[in-house]
Structures are given as structure tokens and as C-alpha cells.
Amino acid sequence: MPDYKYGFRDRVMAKFKTGKGLSEAVVRTISTKKQEPRWLLEYRL
């Protein structure tokens, strides 16, 4: 990343990586990591 004019920057650390795109597998992975109820997963799928 080029230097920002004012010198501010945030380092973002991902908790987990799923790769590019949004698929059923990605939705299931995120739902599992967040410990969401089954009904919410079914709603999102």
C-alpha cells in the first residue's frame, strides 16, 4: 500500500479466511464460526 498522505493506517487481522466469493460452503463456515442457530443458517441459504 502506498504511503497515506497523513500517515494513518490500520492493520486488519482476519479471524479466518474463506477465499474469494460467496458460496454455500462459505455461508456454512461463517455460520458455524459464529455459532448461529440452525434456523438462521437455513434462512441465509
PDB file of N, CA and C in Angstrom:
ATOM      1  N   MET A   1       0.851  -1.173   0.000  1.00  0.00           N
ATOM      2  CA  MET A   1       0.000   0.000   0.000  1.00  0.00           C
ATOM      3  C   MET A   1       0.892   1.230   0.000  1.00  0.00           C
ATOM      4  N   PRO A   2       0.616   2.182  -0.879  1.00  0.00           N
ATOM      5  CA  PRO A   2       1.419   3.406  -0.880  1.00  0.00           C
ATOM      6  C   PRO A   2       1.201   4.188   0.416  1.00  0.00           C
ATOM      7  N   ASP A   3       2.188   4.999   0.775  1.00  0.00           N
ATOM      8  CA  ASP A   3       2.065   5.790   1.996  1.00  0.00           C
ATOM      9  C   ASP A   3       0.865   6.718   1.904  1.00  0.00           C
ATOM     10  N   TYR A   4       0.099   6.730   2.958  1.00  0.00           N
ATOM     11  CA  TYR A   4      -1.071   7.593   3.062  1.00  0.00           C
ATOM     12  C   TYR A   4      -0.594   8.998   3.395  1.00  0.00           C
ATOM     13  N   LYS A   5      -1.210   9.979   2.827  1.00  0.00           N
ATOM     14  CA  LYS A   5      -0.784  11.367   2.962  1.00  0.00           C
ATOM     15  C   LYS A   5      -0.599  11.795   4.418  1.00  0.00           C
ATOM     16  N   TYR A   6      -1.494  11.353   5.308  1.00  0.00           N
ATOM     17  CA  TYR A   6      -1.450  11.802   6.693  1.00  0.00           C
ATOM     18  C   TYR A   6      -0.787  10.794   7.639  1.00  0.00           C
ATOM     19  N   GLY A   7      -0.392   9.654   7.121  1.00  0.00           N
ATOM     20  CA  GLY A   7       0.334   8.681   7.927  1.00  0.00           C
ATOM     21  C   GLY A   7      -0.521   7.746   8.769  1.00  0.00           C
ATOM     22  N   PHE A   8      -1.850   7.860   8.681  1.00  0.00           N
ATOM     23  CA  PHE A   8      -2.713   6.973   9.455  1.00  0.00           C
ATOM     24  C   PHE A   8      -2.946   5.684   8.684  1.00  0.00           C
ATOM     25  N   ARG A   9      -2.955   4.571   9.376  1.00  0.00           N
ATOM     26  CA  ARG A   9      -3.332   3.300   8.754  1.00  0.00           C
ATOM     27  C   ARG A   9      -3.696   2.303   9.838  1.00  0.00           C
ATOM     28  N   ASP A  10      -4.552   1.387   9.500  1.00  0.00           N
ATOM     29  CA  ASP A  10      -4.987   0.334  10.414  1.00  0.00           C
ATOM     30  C   ASP A  10      -4.549  -0.999   9.847  1.00  0.00           C
ATOM     31  N   ARG A  11      -4.019  -1.830  10.689  1.00  0.00           N
ATOM     32  CA  ARG A  11      -3.682  -3.188  10.280  1.00  0.00           C
ATOM     33  C   ARG A  11      -4.874  -4.074  10.635  1.00  0.00           C
ATOM     34  N   VAL A  12      -5.467  -4.688   9.631  1.00  0.00           N
ATOM     35  CA  VAL A  12      -6.631  -5.541   9.829  1.00  0.00           C
ATOM     36  C   VAL A  12      -6.167  -6.987   9.837  1.00  0.00           C
ATOM     37  N   MET A  13      -6.534  -7.696  10.887  1.00  0.00           N
ATOM     38  CA  MET A  13      -6.171  -9.102  11.014  1.00  0.00           C
ATOM     39  C   MET A  13      -7.446  -9.938  10.892  1.00  0.00           C
ATOM     40  N   ALA A  14      -7.522 -10.768   9.872  1.00  0.00           N
ATOM     41  CA  ALA A  14      -8.694 -11.619   9.675  1.00  0.00           C
ATOM     42  C   ALA A  14      -8.720 -12.725  10.724  1.00  0.00           C
ATOM     43  N   LYS A  15      -9.912 -13.042  11.236  1.00  0.00           N
ATOM     44  CA  LYS A  15     -10.054 -14.126  12.202  1.00  0.00           C
ATOM     45  C   LYS A  15      -9.989 -15.478  11.505  1.00  0.00           C
ATOM     46  N   PHE A  16     -10.470 -15.530  10.267  1.00  0.00           N
ATOM     47  CA  PHE A  16     -10.362 -16.724   9.451  1.00  0.00           C
ATOM     48  C   PHE A  16     -10.527 -16.329   7.997  1.00  0.00           C
ATOM     49  N   LYS A  17     -10.062 -17.178   7.106  1.00  0.00           N
ATOM     50  CA  LYS A  17     -10.132 -16.880   5.679  1.00  0.00           C
ATOM     51  C   LYS A  17     -10.980 -17.930   4.986  1.00  0.00           C
ATOM     52  N   THR A  18     -11.787 -17.476   4.018  1.00  0.00           N
ATOM     53  CA  THR A  18     -12.650 -18.390   3.285  1.00  0.00           C
ATOM     54  C   THR A  18     -12.362 -18.399   1.793  1.00  0.00           C
ATOM     55  N   GLY A  19     -11.495 -17.535   1.344  1.00  0.00           N
ATOM     56  CA  GLY A  19     -11.249 -17.435  -0.085  1.00  0.00           C
ATOM     57  C   GLY A  19     -12.204 -16.446  -0.725  1.00  0.00           C
ATOM     58  N   LYS A  20     -12.093 -16.286  -2.024  1.00  0.00           N
ATOM     59  CA  LYS A  20     -12.915 -15.310  -2.742  1.00  0.00           C
ATOM     60  C   LYS A  20     -14.293 -15.873  -3.038  1.00  0.00           C
ATOM     61  N   GLY A  21     -15.260 -14.974  -3.086  1.00  0.00           N
ATOM     62  CA  GLY A  21     -16.608 -15.356  -3.477  1.00  0.00           C
ATOM     63  C   GLY A  21     -17.469 -15.786  -2.300  1.00  0.00           C
ATOM     64  N   LEU A  22     -18.744 -15.917  -2.580  1.00  0.00           N
ATOM     65  CA  LEU A  22     -19.717 -16.325  -1.581  1.00  0.00           C
ATOM     66  C   LEU A  22     -20.422 -17.568  -2.095  1.00  0.00           C
ATOM     67  N   SER A  23     -20.236 -18.664  -1.405  1.00  0.00           N
ATOM     68  CA  SER A  23     -20.849 -19.925  -1.792  1.00  0.00           C
ATOM     69  C   SER A  23     -21.571 -20.514  -0.584  1.00  0.00           C
ATOM     70  N   GLU A  24     -22.272 -21.591  -0.795  1.00  0.00           N
ATOM     71  CA  GLU A  24     -22.956 -22.265   0.309  1.00  0.00           C
ATOM     72  C   GLU A  24     -21.952 -22.706   1.362  1.00  0.00           C
ATOM     73  N   ALA A  25     -20.808 -23.197   0.933  1.00  0.00           N
ATOM     74  CA  ALA A  25     -19.779 -23.641   1.879  1.00  0.00           C
ATOM     75  C   ALA A  25     -19.273 -22.481   2.733  1.00  0.00           C
ATOM     76  N   VAL A  26     -19.108 -21.320   2.130  1.00  0.00           N
ATOM     77  CA  VAL A  26     -18.645 -20.139   2.866  1.00  0.00           C
ATOM     78  C   VAL A  26     -19.701 -19.714   3.887  1.00  0.00           C
ATOM     79  N   VAL A  27     -20.964 -19.698   3.481  1.00  0.00           N
ATOM     80  CA  VAL A  27     -22.049 -19.327   4.394  1.00  0.00           C
ATOM     81  C   VAL A  27     -22.091 -20.300   5.569  1.00  0.00           C
ATOM     82  N   ARG A  28     -21.947 -21.584   5.297  1.00  0.00           N
ATOM     83  CA  ARG A  28     -21.946 -22.587   6.373  1.00  0.00           C
ATOM     84  C   ARG A  28     -20.755 -22.393   7.312  1.00  0.00           C
ATOM     85  N   THR A  29     -19.590 -22.102   6.760  1.00  0.00           N
ATOM     86  CA  THR A  29     -18.394 -21.886   7.578  1.00  0.00           C
ATOM     87  C   THR A  29     -18.572 -20.692   8.505  1.00  0.00           C
ATOM     88  N   ILE A  30     -19.053 -19.590   7.960  1.00  0.00           N
ATOM     89  CA  ILE A  30     -19.256 -18.382   8.768  1.00  0.00           C
ATOM     90  C   ILE A  30     -20.302 -18.644   9.850  1.00  0.00           C
ATOM     91  N   SER A  31     -21.384 -19.306   9.492  1.00  0.00           N
ATOM     92  CA  SER A  31     -22.440 -19.605  10.452  1.00  0.00           C
ATOM     93  C   SER A  31     -21.917 -20.481  11.589  1.00  0.00           C
ATOM     94  N   THR A  32     -21.096 -21.460  11.255  1.00  0.00           N
ATOM     95  CA  THR A  32     -20.508 -22.333  12.275  1.00  0.00           C
ATOM     96  C   THR A  32     -19.578 -21.555  13.187  1.00  0.00           C
ATOM     97  N   LYS A  33     -18.724 -20.727  12.613  1.00  0.00           N
ATOM     98  CA  LYS A  33     -17.789 -19.919  13.410  1.00  0.00           C
ATOM     99  C   LYS A  33     -18.525 -18.989  14.364  1.00  0.00           C
ATOM    100  N   LYS A  34     -19.671 -18.461  13.918  1.00  0.00           N
ATOM    101  CA  LYS A  34     -20.442 -17.530  14.740  1.00  0.00           C
ATOM    102  C   LYS A  34     -21.393 -18.246  15.698  1.00  0.00           C
ATOM    103  N   GLN A  35     -21.448 -19.572  15.604  1.00  0.00           N
ATOM    104  CA  GLN A  35     -22.331 -20.401  16.437  1.00  0.00           C
ATOM    105  C   GLN A  35     -23.786 -19.932  16.346  1.00  0.00           C
ATOM    106  N   GLU A  36     -24.229 -19.730  15.122  1.00  0.00           N
ATOM    107  CA  GLU A  36     -25.590 -19.268  14.885  1.00  0.00           C
ATOM    108  C   GLU A  36     -26.575 -20.434  14.976  1.00  0.00           C
ATOM    109  N   PRO A  37     -27.830 -20.134  15.296  1.00  0.00           N
ATOM    110  CA  PRO A  37     -28.844 -21.188  15.328  1.00  0.00           C
ATOM    111  C   PRO A  37     -29.119 -21.735  13.923  1.00  0.00           C
ATOM    112  N   ARG A  38     -29.573 -22.964  13.878  1.00  0.00           N
ATOM    113  CA  ARG A  38     -29.825 -23.658  12.609  1.00  0.00           C
ATOM    114  C   ARG A  38     -30.824 -22.897  11.727  1.00  0.00           C
ATOM    115  N   TRP A  39     -31.872 -22.321  12.337  1.00  0.00           N
ATOM    116  CA  TRP A  39     -32.892 -21.625  11.553  1.00  0.00           C
ATOM    117  C   TRP A  39     -32.298 -20.445  10.790  1.00  0.00           C
ATOM    118  N   LEU A  40     -31.297 -19.785  11.378  1.00  0.00           N
ATOM    119  CA  LEU A  40     -30.685 -18.638  10.718  1.00  0.00           C
ATOM    120  C   LEU A  40     -29.852 -19.093   9.514  1.00  0.00           C
ATOM    121  N   LEU A  41     -29.147 -20.198   9.676  1.00  0.00           N
ATOM    122  CA  LEU A  41     -28.393 -20.764   8.551  1.00  0.00           C
ATOM    123  C   LEU A  41     -29.341 -21.125   7.415  1.00  0.00           C
ATOM    124  N   GLU A  42     -30.426 -21.798   7.727  1.00  0.00           N
ATOM    125  CA  GLU A  42     -31.396 -22.185   6.695  1.00  0.00           C
ATOM    126  C   GLU A  42     -31.988 -20.953   6.006  1.00  0.00           C
ATOM    127  N   TYR A  43     -32.233 -19.898   6.758  1.00  0.00           N
ATOM    128  CA  TYR A  43     -32.763 -18.659   6.190  1.00  0.00           C
ATOM    129  C   TYR A  43     -31.768 -18.057   5.198  1.00  0.00           C
ATOM    130  N   ARG A  44     -30.501 -18.082   5.546  1.00  0.00           N
ATOM    131  CA  ARG A  44     -29.472 -17.488   4.685  1.00  0.00           C
ATOM    132  C   ARG A  44     -29.200 -18.313   3.438  1.00  0.00           C
ATOM    133  N   LEU A  45     -29.394 -19.600   3.544  1.00  0.00           N
ATOM    134  CA  LEU A  45     -29.165 -20.446   2.374  1.00  0.00           C
ATOM    135  C   LEU A  45     -30.329 -20.321   1.405  1.00  0.00           C
TER     136      LEU A  45
END
